[in-house]
Amino acid sequence: MMADPLLDDWEKKWRKSVLPMAALAVLGEGPKHGYALAVALRQVIGSAAPEGTLYPLLNGFERDGLTRSDWAIQESGPARKVYALTPKGAAILKSGAASWKQFRRDVEGLFHD
């Protein structure tokens, strides 16, 4: 089947719109530095989260009290900023996951095989 540019554009928008919840879910698995988070997100949503999108998102999470960050000293190489969910972030993730599951069921109901 030939790719349609319109559908490609929609898919990019879908992936971008799910990025905040996907990032919280990945951080829900455990603390991660930015690059590790980007790699995990690429595996989950099938595309890379550009630095110009990911780091402002992480800064917003911190500002909103959803994550905290600490500098991790490496044996070799520079220190890395590691992000972890706060209790508020874990609560938002739990609530968001429930909302997402309901949304997914509602949307899937529109499509018939």
PDB file of N, CA and C in Angstrom:
ATOM      1  N   MET A   1       0.841  -1.162   0.000  1.00  0.00           N
ATOM      2  CA  MET A   1       0.000   0.000   0.000  1.00  0.00           C
ATOM      3  C   MET A   1       0.899   1.243   0.000  1.00  0.00           C
ATOM      4  N   MET A   2       0.570   2.208  -0.825  1.00  0.00           N
ATOM      5  CA  MET A   2       1.364   3.417  -0.940  1.00  0.00           C
ATOM      6  C   MET A   2       1.044   4.384   0.209  1.00  0.00           C
ATOM      7  N   ALA A   3       2.091   4.973   0.774  1.00  0.00           N
ATOM      8  CA  ALA A   3       1.898   5.923   1.863  1.00  0.00           C
ATOM      9  C   ALA A   3       1.249   7.197   1.334  1.00  0.00           C
ATOM     10  N   ASP A   4       0.376   7.752   2.131  1.00  0.00           N
ATOM     11  CA  ASP A   4      -0.295   8.988   1.766  1.00  0.00           C
ATOM     12  C   ASP A   4       0.282  10.114   2.619  1.00  0.00           C
ATOM     13  N   PRO A   5       0.704  11.232   2.017  1.00  0.00           N
ATOM     14  CA  PRO A   5       1.295  12.322   2.796  1.00  0.00           C
ATOM     15  C   PRO A   5       0.359  12.863   3.885  1.00  0.00           C
ATOM     16  N   LEU A   6      -0.935  12.885   3.609  1.00  0.00           N
ATOM     17  CA  LEU A   6      -1.885  13.372   4.602  1.00  0.00           C
ATOM     18  C   LEU A   6      -1.907  12.445   5.815  1.00  0.00           C
ATOM     19  N   LEU A   7      -1.975  11.141   5.559  1.00  0.00           N
ATOM     20  CA  LEU A   7      -1.972  10.172   6.652  1.00  0.00           C
ATOM     21  C   LEU A   7      -0.647  10.226   7.411  1.00  0.00           C
ATOM     22  N   ASP A   8       0.464  10.396   6.684  1.00  0.00           N
ATOM     23  CA  ASP A   8       1.763  10.523   7.347  1.00  0.00           C
ATOM     24  C   ASP A   8       1.764  11.712   8.303  1.00  0.00           C
ATOM     25  N   ASP A   9       1.190  12.829   7.882  1.00  0.00           N
ATOM     26  CA  ASP A   9       1.119  14.020   8.722  1.00  0.00           C
ATOM     27  C   ASP A   9       0.265  13.758   9.959  1.00  0.00           C
ATOM     28  N   TRP A  10      -0.875  13.106   9.773  1.00  0.00           N
ATOM     29  CA  TRP A  10      -1.732  12.777  10.916  1.00  0.00           C
ATOM     30  C   TRP A  10      -0.989  11.895  11.913  1.00  0.00           C
ATOM     31  N   GLU A  11      -0.289  10.896  11.378  1.00  0.00           N
ATOM     32  CA  GLU A  11       0.418   9.982  12.272  1.00  0.00           C
ATOM     33  C   GLU A  11       1.480  10.716  13.082  1.00  0.00           C
ATOM     34  N   LYS A  12       2.195  11.644  12.459  1.00  0.00           N
ATOM     35  CA  LYS A  12       3.177  12.447  13.202  1.00  0.00           C
ATOM     36  C   LYS A  12       2.492  13.209  14.330  1.00  0.00           C
ATOM     37  N   LYS A  13       1.316  13.748  14.065  1.00  0.00           N
ATOM     38  CA  LYS A  13       0.574  14.485  15.087  1.00  0.00           C
ATOM     39  C   LYS A  13       0.107  13.559  16.211  1.00  0.00           C
ATOM     40  N   TRP A  14      -0.334  12.340  15.869  1.00  0.00           N
ATOM     41  CA  TRP A  14      -0.746  11.378  16.897  1.00  0.00           C
ATOM     42  C   TRP A  14       0.419  11.088  17.828  1.00  0.00           C
ATOM     43  N   ARG A  15       1.566  10.805  17.210  1.00  0.00           N
ATOM     44  CA  ARG A  15       2.743  10.450  18.008  1.00  0.00           C
ATOM     45  C   ARG A  15       3.178  11.603  18.907  1.00  0.00           C
ATOM     46  N   LYS A  16       3.134  12.817  18.393  1.00  0.00           N
ATOM     47  CA  LYS A  16       3.522  13.978  19.192  1.00  0.00           C
ATOM     48  C   LYS A  16       2.544  14.204  20.337  1.00  0.00           C
ATOM     49  N   SER A  17       1.257  13.983  20.082  1.00  0.00           N
ATOM     50  CA  SER A  17       0.260  14.247  21.123  1.00  0.00           C
ATOM     51  C   SER A  17       0.346  13.253  22.278  1.00  0.00           C
ATOM     52  N   VAL A  18       0.836  12.061  22.033  1.00  0.00           N
ATOM     53  CA  VAL A  18       0.931  11.054  23.089  1.00  0.00           C
ATOM     54  C   VAL A  18       2.250  11.165  23.863  1.00  0.00           C
ATOM     55  N   LEU A  19       3.156  12.017  23.396  1.00  0.00           N
ATOM     56  CA  LEU A  19       4.485  12.121  24.001  1.00  0.00           C
ATOM     57  C   LEU A  19       4.466  12.400  25.506  1.00  0.00           C
ATOM     58  N   PRO A  20       3.691  13.348  26.027  1.00  0.00           N
ATOM     59  CA  PRO A  20       3.738  13.574  27.479  1.00  0.00           C
ATOM     60  C   PRO A  20       3.365  12.337  28.300  1.00  0.00           C
ATOM     61  N   MET A  21       2.280  11.664  27.937  1.00  0.00           N
ATOM     62  CA  MET A  21       1.893  10.470  28.703  1.00  0.00           C
ATOM     63  C   MET A  21       2.904   9.344  28.516  1.00  0.00           C
ATOM     64  N   ALA A  22       3.422   9.195  27.302  1.00  0.00           N
ATOM     65  CA  ALA A  22       4.417   8.155  27.062  1.00  0.00           C
ATOM     66  C   ALA A  22       5.677   8.420  27.877  1.00  0.00           C
ATOM     67  N   ALA A  23       6.094   9.668  27.956  1.00  0.00           N
ATOM     68  CA  ALA A  23       7.288  10.011  28.738  1.00  0.00           C
ATOM     69  C   ALA A  23       7.055   9.724  30.225  1.00  0.00           C
ATOM     70  N   LEU A  24       5.888  10.087  30.737  1.00  0.00           N
ATOM     71  CA  LEU A  24       5.590   9.767  32.141  1.00  0.00           C
ATOM     72  C   LEU A  24       5.592   8.260  32.368  1.00  0.00           C
ATOM     73  N   ALA A  25       5.022   7.512  31.423  1.00  0.00           N
ATOM     74  CA  ALA A  25       4.966   6.049  31.571  1.00  0.00           C
ATOM     75  C   ALA A  25       6.367   5.451  31.578  1.00  0.00           C
ATOM     76  N   VAL A  26       7.241   5.928  30.719  1.00  0.00           N
ATOM     77  CA  VAL A  26       8.619   5.425  30.698  1.00  0.00           C
ATOM     78  C   VAL A  26       9.316   5.780  32.013  1.00  0.00           C
ATOM     79  N   LEU A  27       9.122   6.998  32.498  1.00  0.00           N
ATOM     80  CA  LEU A  27       9.720   7.375  33.781  1.00  0.00           C
ATOM     81  C   LEU A  27       9.094   6.598  34.935  1.00  0.00           C
ATOM     82  N   GLY A  28       7.864   6.134  34.742  1.00  0.00           N
ATOM     83  CA  GLY A  28       7.222   5.297  35.755  1.00  0.00           C
ATOM     84  C   GLY A  28       7.921   3.958  35.937  1.00  0.00           C
ATOM     85  N   GLU A  29       8.690   3.557  34.939  1.00  0.00           N
ATOM     86  CA  GLU A  29       9.469   2.309  35.031  1.00  0.00           C
ATOM     87  C   GLU A  29      10.730   2.507  35.858  1.00  0.00           C
ATOM     88  N   GLY A  30      11.130   3.751  36.050  1.00  0.00           N
ATOM     89  CA  GLY A  30      12.331   4.056  36.826  1.00  0.00           C
ATOM     90  C   GLY A  30      13.011   5.296  36.286  1.00  0.00           C
ATOM     91  N   PRO A  31      13.885   5.907  37.100  1.00  0.00           N
ATOM     92  CA  PRO A  31      14.575   7.126  36.686  1.00  0.00           C
ATOM     93  C   PRO A  31      15.394   6.908  35.410  1.00  0.00           C
ATOM     94  N   LYS A  32      15.454   7.971  34.606  1.00  0.00           N
ATOM     95  CA  LYS A  32      16.201   7.901  33.341  1.00  0.00           C
ATOM     96  C   LYS A  32      16.832   9.258  33.069  1.00  0.00           C
ATOM     97  N   HIS A  33      17.984   9.228  32.406  1.00  0.00           N
ATOM     98  CA  HIS A  33      18.543  10.483  31.901  1.00  0.00           C
ATOM     99  C   HIS A  33      17.906  10.745  30.538  1.00  0.00           C
ATOM    100  N   GLY A  34      18.057  11.949  30.049  1.00  0.00           N
ATOM    101  CA  GLY A  34      17.362  12.373  28.835  1.00  0.00           C
ATOM    102  C   GLY A  34      17.570  11.461  27.643  1.00  0.00           C
ATOM    103  N   TYR A  35      18.828  11.052  27.402  1.00  0.00           N
ATOM    104  CA  TYR A  35      19.088  10.211  26.237  1.00  0.00           C
ATOM    105  C   TYR A  35      18.410   8.847  26.392  1.00  0.00           C
ATOM    106  N   ALA A  36      18.488   8.255  27.578  1.00  0.00           N
ATOM    107  CA  ALA A  36      17.837   6.950  27.806  1.00  0.00           C
ATOM    108  C   ALA A  36      16.322   7.075  27.634  1.00  0.00           C
ATOM    109  N   LEU A  37      15.764   8.186  28.068  1.00  0.00           N
ATOM    110  CA  LEU A  37      14.333   8.419  27.883  1.00  0.00           C
ATOM    111  C   LEU A  37      14.007   8.528  26.399  1.00  0.00           C
ATOM    112  N   ALA A  38      14.829   9.249  25.660  1.00  0.00           N
ATOM    113  CA  ALA A  38      14.608   9.400  24.216  1.00  0.00           C
ATOM    114  C   ALA A  38      14.654   8.055  23.509  1.00  0.00           C
ATOM    115  N   VAL A  39      15.614   7.210  23.877  1.00  0.00           N
ATOM    116  CA  VAL A  39      15.733   5.877  23.266  1.00  0.00           C
ATOM    117  C   VAL A  39      14.495   5.034  23.591  1.00  0.00           C
ATOM    118  N   ALA A  40      14.079   5.046  24.849  1.00  0.00           N
ATOM    119  CA  ALA A  40      12.898   4.271  25.254  1.00  0.00           C
ATOM    120  C   ALA A  40      11.654   4.763  24.520  1.00  0.00           C
ATOM    121  N   LEU A  41      11.511   6.074  24.384  1.00  0.00           N
ATOM    122  CA  LEU A  41      10.353   6.618  23.673  1.00  0.00           C
ATOM    123  C   LEU A  41      10.372   6.218  22.208  1.00  0.00           C
ATOM    124  N   ARG A  42      11.530   6.189  21.602  1.00  0.00           N
ATOM    125  CA  ARG A  42      11.641   5.772  20.196  1.00  0.00           C
ATOM    126  C   ARG A  42      11.148   4.332  20.046  1.00  0.00           C
ATOM    127  N   GLN A  43      11.466   3.482  21.020  1.00  0.00           N
ATOM    128  CA  GLN A  43      11.022   2.091  20.966  1.00  0.00           C
ATOM    129  C   GLN A  43       9.507   1.986  21.164  1.00  0.00           C
ATOM    130  N   VAL A  44       8.951   2.856  21.989  1.00  0.00           N
ATOM    131  CA  VAL A  44       7.528   2.781  22.314  1.00  0.00           C
ATOM    132  C   VAL A  44       6.651   3.416  21.248  1.00  0.00           C
ATOM    133  N   ILE A  45       6.992   4.647  20.840  1.00  0.00           N
ATOM    134  CA  ILE A  45       6.105   5.357  19.910  1.00  0.00           C
ATOM    135  C   ILE A  45       6.604   5.334  18.476  1.00  0.00           C
ATOM    136  N   GLY A  46       7.730   4.673  18.256  1.00  0.00           N
ATOM    137  CA  GLY A  46       8.184   4.463  16.887  1.00  0.00           C
ATOM    138  C   GLY A  46       8.851   5.640  16.225  1.00  0.00           C
ATOM    139  N   SER A  47       9.111   6.695  16.959  1.00  0.00           N
ATOM    140  CA  SER A  47       9.841   7.815  16.380  1.00  0.00           C
ATOM    141  C   SER A  47      10.595   8.512  17.494  1.00  0.00           C
ATOM    142  N   ALA A  48      11.619   9.212  17.099  1.00  0.00           N
ATOM    143  CA  ALA A  48      12.446   9.914  18.075  1.00  0.00           C
ATOM    144  C   ALA A  48      11.737  11.172  18.549  1.00  0.00           C
ATOM    145  N   ALA A  49      11.921  11.475  19.805  1.00  0.00           N
ATOM    146  CA  ALA A  49      11.442  12.747  20.351  1.00  0.00           C
ATOM    147  C   ALA A  49      12.603  13.721  20.227  1.00  0.00           C
ATOM    148  N   PRO A  50      12.481  14.726  19.382  1.00  0.00           N
ATOM    149  CA  PRO A  50      13.601  15.644  19.204  1.00  0.00           C
ATOM    150  C   PRO A  50      13.948  16.374  20.496  1.00  0.00           C
ATOM    151  N   GLU A  51      15.251  16.686  20.665  1.00  0.00           N
ATOM    152  CA  GLU A  51      15.690  17.396  21.868  1.00  0.00           C
ATOM    153  C   GLU A  51      14.886  18.676  22.062  1.00  0.00           C
ATOM    154  N   GLY A  52      14.542  19.334  20.962  1.00  0.00           N
ATOM    155  CA  GLY A  52      13.775  20.572  21.034  1.00  0.00           C
ATOM    156  C   GLY A  52      12.373  20.374  21.580  1.00  0.00           C
ATOM    157  N   THR A  53      11.932  19.122  21.651  1.00  0.00           N
ATOM    158  CA  THR A  53      10.624  18.792  22.220  1.00  0.00           C
ATOM    159  C   THR A  53      10.775  18.131  23.581  1.00  0.00           C
ATOM    160  N   LEU A  54      11.718  17.197  23.682  1.00  0.00           N
ATOM    161  CA  LEU A  54      11.857  16.391  24.892  1.00  0.00           C
ATOM    162  C   LEU A  54      12.299  17.211  26.100  1.00  0.00           C
ATOM    163  N   TYR A  55      13.340  18.009  25.960  1.00  0.00           N
ATOM    164  CA  TYR A  55      13.851  18.726  27.127  1.00  0.00           C
ATOM    165  C   TYR A  55      12.896  19.812  27.621  1.00  0.00           C
ATOM    166  N   PRO A  56      12.227  20.550  26.753  1.00  0.00           N
ATOM    167  CA  PRO A  56      11.193  21.463  27.270  1.00  0.00           C
ATOM    168  C   PRO A  56      10.060  20.707  27.992  1.00  0.00           C
ATOM    169  N   LEU A  57       9.714  19.518  27.491  1.00  0.00           N
ATOM    170  CA  LEU A  57       8.702  18.697  28.150  1.00  0.00           C
ATOM    171  C   LEU A  57       9.176  18.318  29.554  1.00  0.00           C
ATOM    172  N   LEU A  58      10.425  17.866  29.666  1.00  0.00           N
ATOM    173  CA  LEU A  58      10.975  17.490  30.970  1.00  0.00           C
ATOM    174  C   LEU A  58      11.055  18.690  31.907  1.00  0.00           C
ATOM    175  N   ASN A  59      11.430  19.847  31.380  1.00  0.00           N
ATOM    176  CA  ASN A  59      11.459  21.061  32.206  1.00  0.00           C
ATOM    177  C   ASN A  59      10.063  21.406  32.710  1.00  0.00           C
ATOM    178  N   GLY A  60       9.064  21.239  31.851  1.00  0.00           N
ATOM    179  CA  GLY A  60       7.679  21.480  32.257  1.00  0.00           C
ATOM    180  C   GLY A  60       7.224  20.502  33.320  1.00  0.00           C
ATOM    181  N   PHE A  61       7.616  19.232  33.177  1.00  0.00           N
ATOM    182  CA  PHE A  61       7.287  18.239  34.203  1.00  0.00           C
ATOM    183  C   PHE A  61       7.841  18.673  35.560  1.00  0.00           C
ATOM    184  N   GLU A  62       9.100  19.131  35.553  1.00  0.00           N
ATOM    185  CA  GLU A  62       9.712  19.568  36.811  1.00  0.00           C
ATOM    186  C   GLU A  62       8.992  20.790  37.380  1.00  0.00           C
ATOM    187  N   ARG A  63       8.719  21.747  36.519  1.00  0.00           N
ATOM    188  CA  ARG A  63       8.029  22.973  36.939  1.00  0.00           C
ATOM    189  C   ARG A  63       6.663  22.644  37.558  1.00  0.00           C
ATOM    190  N   ASP A  64       5.974  21.648  36.986  1.00  0.00           N
ATOM    191  CA  ASP A  64       4.644  21.262  37.464  1.00  0.00           C
ATOM    192  C   ASP A  64       4.690  20.275  38.631  1.00  0.00           C
ATOM    193  N   GLY A  65       5.894  19.907  39.060  1.00  0.00           N
ATOM    194  CA  GLY A  65       6.033  19.010  40.207  1.00  0.00           C
ATOM    195  C   GLY A  65       5.815  17.544  39.882  1.00  0.00           C
ATOM    196  N   LEU A  66       5.874  17.172  38.589  1.00  0.00           N
ATOM    197  CA  LEU A  66       5.653  15.772  38.204  1.00  0.00           C
ATOM    198  C   LEU A  66       6.935  14.946  38.269  1.00  0.00           C
ATOM    199  N   THR A  67       8.077  15.624  38.102  1.00  0.00           N
ATOM    200  CA  THR A  67       9.371  14.943  38.173  1.00  0.00           C
ATOM    201  C   THR A  67      10.319  15.773  39.020  1.00  0.00           C
ATOM    202  N   ARG A  68      11.390  15.130  39.411  1.00  0.00           N
ATOM    203  CA  ARG A  68      12.524  15.819  40.029  1.00  0.00           C
ATOM    204  C   ARG A  68      13.757  15.348  39.268  1.00  0.00           C
ATOM    205  N   SER A  69      14.802  16.113  39.339  1.00  0.00           N
ATOM    206  CA  SER A  69      16.021  15.699  38.659  1.00  0.00           C
ATOM    207  C   SER A  69      17.203  15.819  39.603  1.00  0.00           C
ATOM    208  N   ASP A  70      18.170  14.960  39.377  1.00  0.00           N
ATOM    209  CA  ASP A  70      19.429  14.968  40.122  1.00  0.00           C
ATOM    210  C   ASP A  70      20.540  14.717  39.124  1.00  0.00           C
ATOM    211  N   TRP A  71      21.706  15.214  39.439  1.00  0.00           N
ATOM    212  CA  TRP A  71      22.862  14.964  38.586  1.00  0.00           C
ATOM    213  C   TRP A  71      23.511  13.658  39.020  1.00  0.00           C
ATOM    214  N   ALA A  72      23.721  12.763  38.057  1.00  0.00           N
ATOM    215  CA  ALA A  72      24.381  11.487  38.316  1.00  0.00           C
ATOM    216  C   ALA A  72      25.809  11.595  37.802  1.00  0.00           C
ATOM    217  N   ILE A  73      26.757  11.345  38.670  1.00  0.00           N
ATOM    218  CA  ILE A  73      28.173  11.382  38.304  1.00  0.00           C
ATOM    219  C   ILE A  73      28.512  10.053  37.633  1.00  0.00           C
ATOM    220  N   GLN A  74      29.151  10.142  36.475  1.00  0.00           N
ATOM    221  CA  GLN A  74      29.535   8.959  35.703  1.00  0.00           C
ATOM    222  C   GLN A  74      31.006   8.626  35.970  1.00  0.00           C
ATOM    223  N   GLU A  75      31.364   7.340  35.856  1.00  0.00           N
ATOM    224  CA  GLU A  75      32.775   6.962  35.988  1.00  0.00           C
ATOM    225  C   GLU A  75      33.595   7.566  34.863  1.00  0.00           C
ATOM    226  N   SER A  76      32.983   7.626  33.692  1.00  0.00           N
ATOM    227  CA  SER A  76      33.646   8.278  32.566  1.00  0.00           C
ATOM    228  C   SER A  76      32.607   9.149  31.876  1.00  0.00           C
ATOM    229  N   GLY A  77      33.038  10.266  31.385  1.00  0.00           N
ATOM    230  CA  GLY A  77      32.125  11.168  30.716  1.00  0.00           C
ATOM    231  C   GLY A  77      31.513  12.159  31.692  1.00  0.00           C
ATOM    232  N   PRO A  78      30.740  13.059  31.152  1.00  0.00           N
ATOM    233  CA  PRO A  78      30.153  14.106  31.996  1.00  0.00           C
ATOM    234  C   PRO A  78      29.008  13.582  32.866  1.00  0.00           C
ATOM    235  N   ALA A  79      28.692  14.347  33.887  1.00  0.00           N
ATOM    236  CA  ALA A  79      27.532  14.020  34.724  1.00  0.00           C
ATOM    237  C   ALA A  79      26.276  14.126  33.865  1.00  0.00           C
ATOM    238  N   ARG A  80      25.272  13.343  34.211  1.00  0.00           N
ATOM    239  CA  ARG A  80      24.008  13.354  33.478  1.00  0.00           C
ATOM    240  C   ARG A  80      22.871  13.703  34.421  1.00  0.00           C
ATOM    241  N   LYS A  81      21.945  14.485  33.902  1.00  0.00           N
ATOM    242  CA  LYS A  81      20.763  14.832  34.672  1.00  0.00           C
ATOM    243  C   LYS A  81      19.781  13.664  34.563  1.00  0.00           C
ATOM    244  N   VAL A  82      19.375  13.132  35.698  1.00  0.00           N
ATOM    245  CA  VAL A  82      18.475  11.977  35.755  1.00  0.00           C
ATOM    246  C   VAL A  82      17.125  12.446  36.284  1.00  0.00           C
ATOM    247  N   TYR A  83      16.073  12.041  35.590  1.00  0.00           N
ATOM    248  CA  TYR A  83      14.707  12.453  35.921  1.00  0.00           C
ATOM    249  C   TYR A  83      13.959  11.286  36.558  1.00  0.00           C
ATOM    250  N   ALA A  84      13.190  11.578  37.589  1.00  0.00           N
ATOM    251  CA  ALA A  84      12.383  10.566  38.277  1.00  0.00           C
ATOM    252  C   ALA A  84      11.018  11.159  38.591  1.00  0.00           C
ATOM    253  N   LEU A  85      10.012  10.316  38.604  1.00  0.00           N
ATOM    254  CA  LEU A  85       8.671  10.775  38.963  1.00  0.00           C
ATOM    255  C   LEU A  85       8.606  11.130  40.439  1.00  0.00           C
ATOM    256  N   THR A  86       7.832  12.139  40.736  1.00  0.00           N
ATOM    257  CA  THR A  86       7.486  12.477  42.120  1.00  0.00           C
ATOM    258  C   THR A  86       6.182  11.739  42.445  1.00  0.00           C
ATOM    259  N   PRO A  87       5.762  11.751  43.682  1.00  0.00           N
ATOM    260  CA  PRO A  87       4.451  11.164  43.990  1.00  0.00           C
ATOM    261  C   PRO A  87       3.328  11.805  43.160  1.00  0.00           C
ATOM    262  N   LYS A  88       3.400  13.119  42.948  1.00  0.00           N
ATOM    263  CA  LYS A  88       2.386  13.784  42.121  1.00  0.00           C
ATOM    264  C   LYS A  88       2.450  13.256  40.688  1.00  0.00           C
ATOM    265  N   GLY A  89       3.657  13.067  40.161  1.00  0.00           N
ATOM    266  CA  GLY A  89       3.812  12.533  38.806  1.00  0.00           C
ATOM    267  C   GLY A  89       3.262  11.120  38.690  1.00  0.00           C
ATOM    268  N   ALA A  90       3.499  10.299  39.721  1.00  0.00           N
ATOM    269  CA  ALA A  90       2.984   8.926  39.721  1.00  0.00           C
ATOM    270  C   ALA A  90       1.453   8.933  39.754  1.00  0.00           C
ATOM    271  N   ALA A  91       0.870   9.869  40.513  1.00  0.00           N
ATOM    272  CA  ALA A  91      -0.594   9.958  40.584  1.00  0.00           C
ATOM    273  C   ALA A  91      -1.174  10.408  39.243  1.00  0.00           C
ATOM    274  N   ILE A  92      -0.522  11.372  38.603  1.00  0.00           N
ATOM    275  CA  ILE A  92      -0.971  11.835  37.281  1.00  0.00           C
ATOM    276  C   ILE A  92      -0.854  10.701  36.267  1.00  0.00           C
ATOM    277  N   LEU A  93       0.236   9.947  36.340  1.00  0.00           N
ATOM    278  CA  LEU A  93       0.415   8.810  35.431  1.00  0.00           C
ATOM    279  C   LEU A  93      -0.708   7.793  35.635  1.00  0.00           C
ATOM    280  N   LYS A  94      -1.017   7.464  36.868  1.00  0.00           N
ATOM    281  CA  LYS A  94      -2.074   6.480  37.149  1.00  0.00           C
ATOM    282  C   LYS A  94      -3.424   6.956  36.621  1.00  0.00           C
ATOM    283  N   SER A  95      -3.763   8.196  36.909  1.00  0.00           N
ATOM    284  CA  SER A  95      -5.021   8.765  36.445  1.00  0.00           C
ATOM    285  C   SER A  95      -5.050   8.871  34.921  1.00  0.00           C
ATOM    286  N   GLY A  96      -3.937   9.332  34.349  1.00  0.00           N
ATOM    287  CA  GLY A  96      -3.842   9.462  32.892  1.00  0.00           C
ATOM    288  C   GLY A  96      -3.942   8.119  32.189  1.00  0.00           C
ATOM    289  N   ALA A  97      -3.358   7.085  32.781  1.00  0.00           N
ATOM    290  CA  ALA A  97      -3.423   5.752  32.176  1.00  0.00           C
ATOM    291  C   ALA A  97      -4.865   5.258  32.126  1.00  0.00           C
ATOM    292  N   ALA A  98      -5.611   5.505  33.186  1.00  0.00           N
ATOM    293  CA  ALA A  98      -7.018   5.096  33.199  1.00  0.00           C
ATOM    294  C   ALA A  98      -7.802   5.863  32.128  1.00  0.00           C
ATOM    295  N   SER A  99      -7.554   7.157  32.022  1.00  0.00           N
ATOM    296  CA  SER A  99      -8.225   7.961  30.990  1.00  0.00           C
ATOM    297  C   SER A  99      -7.842   7.496  29.599  1.00  0.00           C
ATOM    298  N   TRP A 100      -6.552   7.193  29.412  1.00  0.00           N
ATOM    299  CA  TRP A 100      -6.069   6.739  28.102  1.00  0.00           C
ATOM    300  C   TRP A 100      -6.745   5.424  27.704  1.00  0.00           C
ATOM    301  N   LYS A 101      -6.848   4.492  28.647  1.00  0.00           N
ATOM    302  CA  LYS A 101      -7.468   3.202  28.342  1.00  0.00           C
ATOM    303  C   LYS A 101      -8.918   3.380  27.902  1.00  0.00           C
ATOM    304  N   GLN A 102      -9.639   4.265  28.577  1.00  0.00           N
ATOM    305  CA  GLN A 102     -11.030   4.516  28.183  1.00  0.00           C
ATOM    306  C   GLN A 102     -11.082   5.181  26.811  1.00  0.00           C
ATOM    307  N   PHE A 103     -10.226   6.149  26.568  1.00  0.00           N
ATOM    308  CA  PHE A 103     -10.165   6.829  25.271  1.00  0.00           C
ATOM    309  C   PHE A 103      -9.864   5.826  24.156  1.00  0.00           C
ATOM    310  N   ARG A 104      -8.898   4.950  24.403  1.00  0.00           N
ATOM    311  CA  ARG A 104      -8.530   3.935  23.410  1.00  0.00           C
ATOM    312  C   ARG A 104      -9.718   3.033  23.090  1.00  0.00           C
ATOM    313  N   ARG A 105     -10.449   2.599  24.115  1.00  0.00           N
ATOM    314  CA  ARG A 105     -11.629   1.755  23.875  1.00  0.00           C
ATOM    315  C   ARG A 105     -12.670   2.500  23.048  1.00  0.00           C
ATOM    316  N   ASP A 106     -12.890   3.781  23.380  1.00  0.00           N
ATOM    317  CA  ASP A 106     -13.881   4.578  22.645  1.00  0.00           C
ATOM    318  C   ASP A 106     -13.498   4.730  21.173  1.00  0.00           C
ATOM    319  N   VAL A 107     -12.246   5.029  20.916  1.00  0.00           N
ATOM    320  CA  VAL A 107     -11.796   5.226  19.538  1.00  0.00           C
ATOM    321  C   VAL A 107     -11.795   3.894  18.781  1.00  0.00           C
ATOM    322  N   GLU A 108     -11.329   2.837  19.418  1.00  0.00           N
ATOM    323  CA  GLU A 108     -11.314   1.538  18.747  1.00  0.00           C
ATOM    324  C   GLU A 108     -12.729   1.108  18.353  1.00  0.00           C
ATOM    325  N   GLY A 109     -13.727   1.544  19.104  1.00  0.00           N
ATOM    326  CA  GLY A 109     -15.112   1.216  18.788  1.00  0.00           C
ATOM    327  C   GLY A 109     -15.591   1.816  17.476  1.00  0.00           C
ATOM    328  N   LEU A 110     -14.879   2.822  16.997  1.00  0.00           N
ATOM    329  CA  LEU A 110     -15.236   3.450  15.726  1.00  0.00           C
ATOM    330  C   LEU A 110     -14.800   2.624  14.513  1.00  0.00           C
ATOM    331  N   PHE A 111     -13.820   1.774  14.697  1.00  0.00           N
ATOM    332  CA  PHE A 111     -13.242   1.026  13.584  1.00  0.00           C
ATOM    333  C   PHE A 111     -13.764  -0.392  13.566  1.00  0.00           C
ATOM    334  N   HIS A 112     -14.191  -0.819  12.413  1.00  0.00           N
ATOM    335  CA  HIS A 112     -14.719  -2.187  12.260  1.00  0.00           C
ATOM    336  C   HIS A 112     -13.870  -2.916  11.243  1.00  0.00           C
ATOM    337  N   ASP A 113     -13.561  -4.151  11.532  1.00  0.00           N
ATOM    338  CA  ASP A 113     -12.748  -4.954  10.587  1.00  0.00           C
ATOM    339  C   ASP A 113     -13.566  -5.406   9.420  1.00  0.00           C
TER     340      ASP A 113
END
